[in-house]
Amino acid sequence: MFLWLLESIIFLPWNCLLWAARYYTFEVKTKRKGVVETYLDAHNIKNTQVHATTSDGYTLTMQKLGVDGGQLVFFLHGMFESSAMTLAHGLESLPIKLAQDGYCVYLGNVRGNMYGLKNSNLSPWSSEFWNFSVRDHALKDFPAMLNLIRSETDKKITVIGQSQGALVSMMGLSNSPNLNKYVNLLALLSPALVLRIPTNPLVKLVFTLPPSYFGSPLFFSFVSITQLFIPDFVANIFAFKALEISGMSLLPLDREGAGEVMSSTPSGYLTTDSMRFYVEVLEKGEEFFRDKKGELGGFDVGKVDVPVGLWIGEEDVVIDTEKTVKLLKDEMGNSLVYVKVLEGYGHTDSWYSKDSIERLGGDVKRVIDERRSLGRKNASRSGSRSRSKSKSKSKSKSKSNSKRS
């Protein structure tokens, strides 16, 4: 009893910060119109909300933009983020470019961020609501969103995952083989697969803190409380500086574009179980992703049976670039259809740097366009074969009838 009281007194300031941060996220951020919808509406970009429900009752709000009936593209964000980060380049962002070019684009969100704070049985104020990890994103959130998208059309889906979103997409497809047939391309942007043992002091601090302290009170409370009292443009200066100091970003940042949506980060926080998951991934390395028998608590990337494209930074401080490329080449074989190692890129340069608008975004769009063209050609050939068979059957029937007569 004495120890419990002592611990409560010691951690009282952190717990107060945590509850204040939760209030800001749950009652302030989510009660106003979402940052994604606000931005799209302000620029007269047609968009609608769609809602996916997971097997355990979480409601995940997604944004849909572009052309109904167009080729489908599904974006999934990274750690601490929401779909807002897919618009980090403003009107030059890849989702908007694709929507303008006739694609039907869905922006996904996982449980626990500002678009995933509803559950049919649990309140986000309860601790039970937060009893989930990255595994739940992969095994429950990802299938729920993908099934919602495919329920609206019979077209195949291009999945674009950023960092944790790429990891979640890979795990989701590996553990649900029946979903692979609905995907025509999986684009991995700086995928959080084989993690690098951190050397940067700031990144190292994150992984050496006990998971329970980092997972909730420390990072989430500090940043959210900062956002509560400091204007967005001032908070953004600190956020960009943190990316530079940590080595996450090495190139000039798109401060204007990213500044529009940076106030939405962190959008929910990394749970204790999720932090433990990443510590486990770091410790087990490549073997976590070669877990063919399920003995390590990992998964088998070789079960992902879709064409995969990889875009990864050469100087990523979070991901071991060389080992990640080797892992995918060894395990995926011909399914790995495209690899681009981006010279001079850090981890977040893939979506925050000015350079990535064309160098990465333009290249990803080119590959997606090629897959769309290939799909149209295959559909055209299939249609031609069907018509040809139909004509042959018709001629044979006609000859048969003439012989009888």
Protein backbone atom coordinates (compact mmCIF):
# COMPACT_ATOMS: atom_id res chain seq x y z
CA MET A 1 0.00 0.00 0.00
CA PHE A 2 2.80 2.38 0.94
CA LEU A 3 4.68 1.68 -2.31
CA TRP A 4 1.51 2.22 -4.33
CA LEU A 5 0.94 5.59 -2.66
CA LEU A 6 4.58 6.58 -3.17
CA GLU A 7 4.46 5.64 -6.85
CA SER A 8 1.17 7.53 -7.29
CA ILE A 9 2.70 10.68 -5.77
CA ILE A 10 5.89 10.43 -7.84
CA PHE A 11 4.03 9.93 -11.11
CA LEU A 12 1.14 12.26 -10.32
CA PRO A 13 2.47 15.09 -12.55
CA TRP A 14 2.88 12.69 -15.50
CA ASN A 15 -0.57 11.20 -14.98
CA CYS A 16 -2.10 14.68 -14.83
CA LEU A 17 -0.34 15.54 -18.08
CA LEU A 18 -1.59 12.33 -19.65
CA TRP A 19 -5.20 13.03 -18.74
CA ALA A 20 -4.93 16.61 -19.96
CA ALA A 21 -3.42 15.36 -23.22
CA ARG A 22 -6.19 12.81 -23.58
CA TYR A 23 -8.78 15.52 -23.01
CA TYR A 24 -7.18 17.66 -25.70
CA THR A 25 -7.13 14.77 -28.19
CA PHE A 26 -10.51 13.21 -27.38
CA GLU A 27 -12.58 16.29 -26.60
CA VAL A 28 -10.94 19.05 -28.63
CA LYS A 29 -9.30 17.54 -31.71
CA THR A 30 -12.05 15.04 -32.46
CA LYS A 31 -14.98 17.36 -31.73
CA ARG A 32 -13.95 19.82 -34.42
CA LYS A 33 -14.03 18.88 -38.08
CA GLY A 34 -11.06 16.72 -39.01
CA VAL A 35 -7.95 18.42 -40.37
CA VAL A 36 -8.09 16.33 -43.56
CA GLU A 37 -11.67 17.27 -44.40
CA THR A 38 -11.07 20.91 -43.50
CA TYR A 39 -8.07 21.10 -45.81
CA LEU A 40 -9.77 19.34 -48.74
CA ASP A 41 -12.94 21.42 -48.38
CA ALA A 42 -10.91 24.64 -48.28
CA HIS A 43 -9.42 23.74 -51.67
CA ASN A 44 -12.71 22.55 -53.17
CA ILE A 45 -11.58 18.93 -53.40
CA LYS A 46 -14.60 16.64 -53.22
CA ASN A 47 -14.30 14.18 -50.34
CA THR A 48 -16.50 11.95 -48.21
CA GLN A 49 -16.04 10.00 -44.99
CA VAL A 50 -16.46 6.23 -44.95
CA HIS A 51 -16.34 4.05 -41.86
CA ALA A 52 -14.83 0.59 -41.42
CA THR A 53 -15.74 -1.51 -38.39
CA THR A 54 -13.27 -4.03 -37.00
CA SER A 55 -14.11 -7.47 -35.64
CA ASP A 56 -13.67 -6.14 -32.08
CA GLY A 57 -15.86 -3.08 -32.48
CA TYR A 58 -13.50 -0.20 -33.37
CA THR A 59 -14.82 2.29 -35.93
CA LEU A 60 -12.14 3.60 -38.29
CA THR A 61 -12.98 6.74 -40.24
CA MET A 62 -11.42 6.98 -43.70
CA GLN A 63 -11.49 9.77 -46.27
CA LYS A 64 -12.44 9.05 -49.87
CA LEU A 65 -11.56 11.41 -52.70
CA GLY A 66 -11.17 11.26 -56.46
CA VAL A 67 -13.33 9.58 -59.07
CA ASP A 68 -15.96 6.98 -58.21
CA GLY A 69 -15.25 3.92 -60.30
CA GLY A 70 -11.60 4.90 -60.81
CA GLN A 71 -8.63 2.66 -60.09
CA LEU A 72 -8.46 2.16 -56.31
CA VAL A 73 -5.59 3.41 -54.14
CA PHE A 74 -5.42 2.93 -50.36
CA PHE A 75 -2.94 4.93 -48.24
CA LEU A 76 -1.94 3.90 -44.71
CA HIS A 77 -0.01 6.29 -42.44
CA GLY A 78 2.89 5.73 -40.05
CA MET A 79 3.45 5.76 -36.29
CA PHE A 80 1.89 8.61 -34.22
CA GLU A 81 0.12 9.81 -37.35
CA SER A 82 -3.23 9.88 -39.10
CA SER A 83 -4.37 10.21 -42.71
CA ALA A 84 -3.51 13.92 -42.39
CA MET A 85 0.16 13.09 -42.96
CA THR A 86 -0.60 11.80 -46.47
CA LEU A 87 -1.27 15.47 -47.32
CA ALA A 88 2.07 16.73 -46.01
CA HIS A 89 2.83 18.38 -49.38
CA GLY A 90 -0.46 20.22 -49.61
CA LEU A 91 -1.89 20.30 -53.13
CA GLU A 92 1.28 18.58 -54.39
CA SER A 93 0.60 15.53 -52.20
CA LEU A 94 0.40 12.17 -53.95
CA PRO A 95 -3.21 11.35 -52.91
CA ILE A 96 -4.44 14.62 -54.42
CA LYS A 97 -2.39 14.14 -57.61
CA LEU A 98 -3.83 10.64 -58.02
CA ALA A 99 -7.39 11.84 -57.34
CA GLN A 100 -6.99 14.56 -59.98
CA ASP A 101 -5.78 11.93 -62.44
CA GLY A 102 -8.91 9.80 -62.18
CA TYR A 103 -8.06 7.46 -59.31
CA CYS A 104 -10.41 6.70 -56.43
CA VAL A 105 -8.32 7.29 -53.29
CA TYR A 106 -8.95 6.12 -49.74
CA LEU A 107 -6.96 7.50 -46.79
CA GLY A 108 -6.87 4.98 -43.96
CA ASN A 109 -6.64 5.36 -40.18
CA VAL A 110 -5.89 2.82 -37.45
CA ARG A 111 -7.45 2.51 -34.02
CA GLY A 112 -6.21 4.97 -31.42
CA ASN A 113 -5.61 7.99 -33.64
CA MET A 114 -7.99 10.94 -33.94
CA TYR A 115 -10.05 9.09 -36.57
CA GLY A 116 -10.17 5.83 -34.61
CA LEU A 117 -11.50 6.77 -31.19
CA LYS A 118 -14.84 4.97 -31.28
CA ASN A 119 -15.65 1.46 -30.13
CA SER A 120 -19.11 -0.07 -29.80
CA ASN A 121 -18.31 -1.37 -26.31
CA LEU A 122 -15.45 0.75 -24.94
CA SER A 123 -14.77 4.40 -24.18
CA PRO A 124 -11.38 5.89 -25.09
CA TRP A 125 -11.22 7.05 -21.47
CA SER A 126 -11.02 3.41 -20.36
CA SER A 127 -7.73 1.55 -20.16
CA GLU A 128 -9.31 -1.43 -21.96
CA PHE A 129 -9.73 0.69 -25.09
CA TRP A 130 -5.93 0.98 -25.32
CA ASN A 131 -5.14 -2.71 -24.89
CA PHE A 132 -3.91 -3.17 -28.44
CA SER A 133 -0.66 -3.26 -30.38
CA VAL A 134 0.64 -3.04 -33.93
CA ARG A 135 -0.51 -6.64 -34.37
CA ASP A 136 -4.12 -5.49 -33.97
CA HIS A 137 -3.56 -2.83 -36.63
CA ALA A 138 -2.38 -5.59 -38.99
CA LEU A 139 -4.77 -8.41 -38.10
CA LYS A 140 -7.95 -6.39 -37.50
CA ASP A 141 -7.71 -2.78 -38.73
CA PHE A 142 -6.07 -3.47 -42.11
CA PRO A 143 -8.51 -6.25 -43.16
CA ALA A 144 -11.52 -4.16 -42.06
CA MET A 145 -10.44 -1.20 -44.20
CA LEU A 146 -9.43 -3.29 -47.22
CA ASN A 147 -12.71 -5.24 -47.13
CA LEU A 148 -14.69 -2.00 -46.97
CA ILE A 149 -12.91 -0.67 -50.05
CA ARG A 150 -13.33 -3.85 -52.09
CA SER A 151 -17.02 -4.09 -51.11
CA GLU A 152 -17.69 -0.97 -53.18
CA THR A 153 -16.20 -2.28 -56.43
CA ASP A 154 -14.66 -5.35 -58.01
CA LYS A 155 -11.48 -3.49 -59.04
CA LYS A 156 -8.13 -4.37 -57.51
CA ILE A 157 -6.47 -2.07 -55.00
CA THR A 158 -3.07 -0.39 -54.91
CA VAL A 159 -1.93 -0.23 -51.27
CA ILE A 160 0.61 2.43 -50.26
CA GLY A 161 2.05 2.05 -46.77
CA GLN A 162 4.32 4.55 -45.07
CA SER A 163 6.73 3.32 -42.35
CA GLN A 164 4.48 1.57 -39.80
CA GLY A 165 1.70 1.58 -42.41
CA ALA A 166 3.96 -0.46 -44.70
CA LEU A 167 4.71 -2.94 -41.91
CA VAL A 168 1.01 -3.25 -41.05
CA SER A 169 0.12 -3.84 -44.72
CA MET A 170 2.77 -6.56 -45.07
CA MET A 171 1.64 -8.29 -41.86
CA GLY A 172 -2.00 -7.99 -42.85
CA LEU A 173 -1.49 -9.59 -46.27
CA SER A 174 0.79 -12.28 -44.85
CA ASN A 175 -1.69 -13.30 -42.17
CA SER A 176 -4.79 -13.02 -44.40
CA PRO A 177 -3.80 -14.75 -47.67
CA ASN A 178 -7.36 -14.39 -49.01
CA LEU A 179 -6.83 -10.60 -49.21
CA ASN A 180 -3.87 -10.89 -51.62
CA LYS A 181 -6.13 -11.46 -54.63
CA TYR A 182 -7.66 -8.00 -54.17
CA VAL A 183 -4.32 -6.14 -54.37
CA ASN A 184 -2.53 -5.32 -57.63
CA LEU A 185 0.45 -3.49 -56.04
CA LEU A 186 1.86 -2.94 -52.57
CA ALA A 187 4.05 0.18 -52.44
CA LEU A 188 6.31 0.26 -49.38
CA LEU A 189 7.65 3.70 -48.41
CA SER A 190 10.44 3.44 -45.80
CA PRO A 191 8.86 0.27 -44.36
CA ALA A 192 9.46 -0.33 -40.65
CA LEU A 193 10.73 -3.87 -41.18
CA VAL A 194 14.34 -4.65 -40.21
CA LEU A 195 15.06 -1.97 -37.62
CA ARG A 196 18.50 -0.47 -37.10
CA ILE A 197 20.11 -0.46 -33.65
CA PRO A 198 19.87 3.27 -32.86
CA THR A 199 22.98 5.40 -32.53
CA ASN A 200 21.40 8.87 -32.55
CA PRO A 201 21.02 9.92 -28.86
CA LEU A 202 17.40 11.04 -29.29
CA VAL A 203 16.32 7.87 -31.13
CA LYS A 204 18.34 5.75 -28.70
CA LEU A 205 16.51 7.34 -25.77
CA VAL A 206 13.18 6.26 -27.25
CA PHE A 207 14.21 2.59 -27.41
CA THR A 208 15.98 2.44 -24.05
CA LEU A 209 13.15 3.95 -21.99
CA PRO A 210 10.83 1.38 -20.39
CA PRO A 211 7.98 0.87 -22.89
CA SER A 212 5.27 1.89 -20.43
CA TYR A 213 6.88 5.30 -19.82
CA PHE A 214 7.49 6.10 -23.46
CA GLY A 215 4.23 4.59 -24.69
CA SER A 216 1.98 7.08 -22.97
CA PRO A 217 3.01 9.80 -20.53
CA LEU A 218 6.34 10.99 -21.85
CA PHE A 219 6.05 11.67 -25.57
CA PHE A 220 2.32 11.95 -26.03
CA SER A 221 1.70 14.17 -23.02
CA PHE A 222 4.59 16.51 -23.73
CA VAL A 223 3.72 17.13 -27.38
CA SER A 224 -0.05 17.32 -26.89
CA ILE A 225 0.24 19.75 -23.98
CA THR A 226 2.66 21.81 -26.04
CA GLN A 227 0.03 21.97 -28.80
CA LEU A 228 -2.59 22.96 -26.26
CA PHE A 229 -0.74 26.07 -25.09
CA ILE A 230 1.50 27.04 -28.02
CA PRO A 231 0.28 28.28 -31.44
CA ASP A 232 0.63 25.75 -34.25
CA PHE A 233 3.29 27.68 -36.16
CA VAL A 234 5.52 27.80 -33.05
CA ALA A 235 4.95 24.12 -32.21
CA ASN A 236 5.80 23.23 -35.83
CA ILE A 237 9.21 24.91 -35.50
CA PHE A 238 10.04 22.61 -32.58
CA ALA A 239 8.63 19.57 -34.42
CA PHE A 240 10.75 20.20 -37.52
CA LYS A 241 13.83 20.83 -35.40
CA ALA A 242 13.28 17.51 -33.58
CA LEU A 243 13.16 15.68 -36.94
CA GLU A 244 16.47 17.27 -37.93
CA ILE A 245 18.25 16.68 -34.59
CA SER A 246 17.15 13.05 -34.45
CA GLY A 247 18.45 12.42 -37.97
CA MET A 248 14.99 11.37 -39.14
CA SER A 249 15.08 14.07 -41.82
CA LEU A 250 18.30 14.95 -43.65
CA LEU A 251 16.96 17.04 -46.54
CA PRO A 252 15.23 20.47 -46.58
CA LEU A 253 11.69 20.01 -45.27
CA ASP A 254 8.49 21.11 -46.97
CA ARG A 255 7.64 23.36 -44.04
CA GLU A 256 4.72 25.06 -45.75
CA GLY A 257 2.98 21.85 -46.84
CA ALA A 258 3.68 19.80 -43.72
CA GLY A 259 2.86 22.75 -41.47
CA GLU A 260 -0.77 22.53 -42.61
CA VAL A 261 -1.22 19.12 -41.00
CA MET A 262 1.58 18.89 -38.41
CA SER A 263 -0.78 20.03 -35.63
CA SER A 264 -2.58 16.69 -35.94
CA THR A 265 0.55 14.80 -34.81
CA PRO A 266 0.74 12.96 -32.49
CA SER A 267 -2.71 11.68 -33.37
CA GLY A 268 -3.14 9.29 -30.49
CA TYR A 269 -0.12 7.62 -28.98
CA LEU A 270 1.91 4.45 -29.21
CA THR A 271 0.52 2.00 -26.66
CA THR A 272 2.70 0.08 -24.23
CA ASP A 273 2.05 -3.16 -26.14
CA SER A 274 3.01 -1.50 -29.44
CA MET A 275 6.27 -0.25 -27.98
CA ARG A 276 7.04 -3.74 -26.71
CA PHE A 277 6.27 -5.05 -30.19
CA TYR A 278 8.92 -2.77 -31.71
CA VAL A 279 11.48 -3.75 -29.09
CA GLU A 280 10.78 -7.37 -30.05
CA VAL A 281 11.22 -6.58 -33.77
CA LEU A 282 14.51 -4.81 -33.02
CA GLU A 283 15.83 -7.76 -31.01
CA LYS A 284 14.86 -10.50 -33.49
CA GLY A 285 15.89 -8.69 -36.67
CA GLU A 286 15.28 -10.37 -40.05
CA GLU A 287 14.20 -13.64 -38.44
CA PHE A 288 11.03 -11.92 -37.21
CA PHE A 289 9.97 -11.61 -40.86
CA ARG A 290 11.04 -15.13 -41.82
CA ASP A 291 8.88 -16.74 -39.15
CA LYS A 292 7.43 -19.46 -41.40
CA LYS A 293 6.28 -21.67 -38.52
CA GLY A 294 5.04 -18.89 -36.23
CA GLU A 295 7.53 -19.78 -33.53
CA LEU A 296 8.94 -16.27 -33.00
CA GLY A 297 5.71 -14.29 -32.81
CA GLY A 298 6.58 -12.72 -36.18
CA PHE A 299 5.33 -13.37 -39.70
CA ASP A 300 6.47 -14.65 -43.09
CA VAL A 301 6.91 -11.95 -45.74
CA GLY A 302 7.13 -14.73 -48.32
CA LYS A 303 3.36 -15.25 -47.93
CA VAL A 304 2.67 -11.81 -49.38
CA ASP A 305 1.62 -12.86 -52.86
CA VAL A 306 1.26 -9.48 -54.62
CA PRO A 307 3.59 -7.31 -56.73
CA VAL A 308 5.66 -5.16 -54.35
CA GLY A 309 7.51 -1.89 -54.92
CA LEU A 310 10.05 -0.60 -52.40
CA TRP A 311 11.20 2.99 -51.86
CA ILE A 312 13.68 3.35 -49.01
CA GLY A 313 16.18 5.95 -47.78
CA GLU A 314 19.88 5.21 -48.08
CA GLU A 315 20.68 6.92 -44.75
CA ASP A 316 17.65 5.88 -42.71
CA VAL A 317 18.46 5.94 -38.95
CA VAL A 318 15.43 3.79 -38.09
CA ILE A 319 15.54 1.07 -40.74
CA ASP A 320 18.50 -1.05 -41.80
CA THR A 321 18.25 -0.34 -45.52
CA GLU A 322 20.67 -2.99 -46.72
CA LYS A 323 19.12 -5.78 -44.64
CA THR A 324 15.56 -4.76 -45.56
CA VAL A 325 16.31 -4.83 -49.29
CA LYS A 326 18.07 -8.20 -48.95
CA LEU A 327 15.20 -9.65 -46.89
CA LEU A 328 12.60 -8.73 -49.50
CA LYS A 329 14.72 -9.91 -52.42
CA ASP A 330 15.44 -13.25 -50.74
CA GLU A 331 11.91 -13.95 -49.53
CA MET A 332 9.73 -12.39 -52.23
CA GLY A 333 11.63 -13.29 -55.38
CA ASN A 334 9.84 -12.13 -58.53
CA SER A 335 7.05 -10.53 -56.48
CA LEU A 336 9.45 -7.68 -55.71
CA VAL A 337 8.93 -5.80 -58.97
CA TYR A 338 10.62 -2.48 -58.16
CA VAL A 339 13.32 -1.25 -55.76
CA LYS A 340 14.58 2.30 -55.38
CA VAL A 341 17.13 3.25 -52.73
CA LEU A 342 16.90 7.02 -52.33
CA GLU A 343 20.33 8.58 -51.98
CA GLY A 344 20.64 11.06 -49.10
CA TYR A 345 17.21 10.26 -47.66
CA GLY A 346 16.52 9.84 -43.94
CA HIS A 347 13.48 8.04 -42.58
CA THR A 348 10.90 10.84 -42.80
CA ASP A 349 12.32 12.47 -45.94
CA SER A 350 10.06 10.16 -47.94
CA TRP A 351 7.03 12.26 -46.98
CA TYR A 352 8.31 15.51 -45.45
CA SER A 353 11.16 16.69 -47.69
CA LYS A 354 10.56 19.02 -50.64
CA ASP A 355 12.67 16.68 -52.74
CA SER A 356 10.19 13.82 -52.28
CA ILE A 357 7.34 15.59 -54.14
CA GLU A 358 8.78 14.57 -57.49
CA ARG A 359 11.68 12.25 -56.74
CA LEU A 360 9.58 9.84 -54.68
CA GLY A 361 5.94 10.83 -55.22
CA GLY A 362 6.42 11.24 -58.96
CA ASP A 363 8.18 7.89 -59.20
CA VAL A 364 5.53 6.07 -57.16
CA LYS A 365 2.81 7.57 -59.37
CA ARG A 366 4.66 6.46 -62.50
CA VAL A 367 4.78 2.86 -61.23
CA ILE A 368 1.08 2.99 -60.26
CA ASP A 369 0.18 4.40 -63.69
CA GLU A 370 2.11 1.55 -65.34
CA ARG A 371 0.20 -1.02 -63.28
CA ARG A 372 -3.08 0.66 -64.23
CA SER A 373 -2.16 0.55 -67.93
CA LEU A 374 -1.12 -3.08 -67.60
CA GLY A 375 -4.44 -3.89 -65.94
CA ARG A 376 -6.36 -2.20 -68.75
CA LYS A 377 -4.39 -4.10 -71.40
CA ASN A 378 -5.01 -7.41 -69.64
CA ALA A 379 -8.70 -6.59 -69.31
CA SER A 380 -8.83 -5.67 -73.00
CA ARG A 381 -7.10 -8.92 -73.99
CA SER A 382 -9.40 -10.90 -71.76
CA GLY A 383 -12.39 -9.19 -73.33
CA SER A 384 -11.06 -9.88 -76.84
CA ARG A 385 -10.54 -13.56 -76.00
CA SER A 386 -14.04 -13.80 -74.60
CA ARG A 387 -15.53 -12.20 -77.71
CA SER A 388 -13.41 -14.43 -79.93
CA LYS A 389 -14.58 -17.56 -78.09
CA SER A 390 -18.15 -16.35 -78.31
CA LYS A 391 -17.83 -15.86 -82.09
CA SER A 392 -16.24 -19.31 -82.51
CA LYS A 393 -19.04 -20.93 -80.57
CA SER A 394 -21.58 -19.03 -82.65
CA LYS A 395 -19.94 -20.16 -85.92
CA SER A 396 -19.74 -23.77 -84.76
CA LYS A 397 -23.39 -23.69 -83.80
CA SER A 398 -24.30 -22.20 -87.17
CA LYS A 399 -22.36 -24.92 -89.06
CA SER A 400 -23.96 -27.62 -86.93
CA ASN A 401 -27.42 -26.28 -87.69
CA SER A 402 -26.72 -26.08 -91.45
CA LYS A 403 -25.52 -29.71 -91.47
CA ARG A 404 -28.70 -30.85 -89.78
CA SER A 405 -30.80 -29.01 -92.33
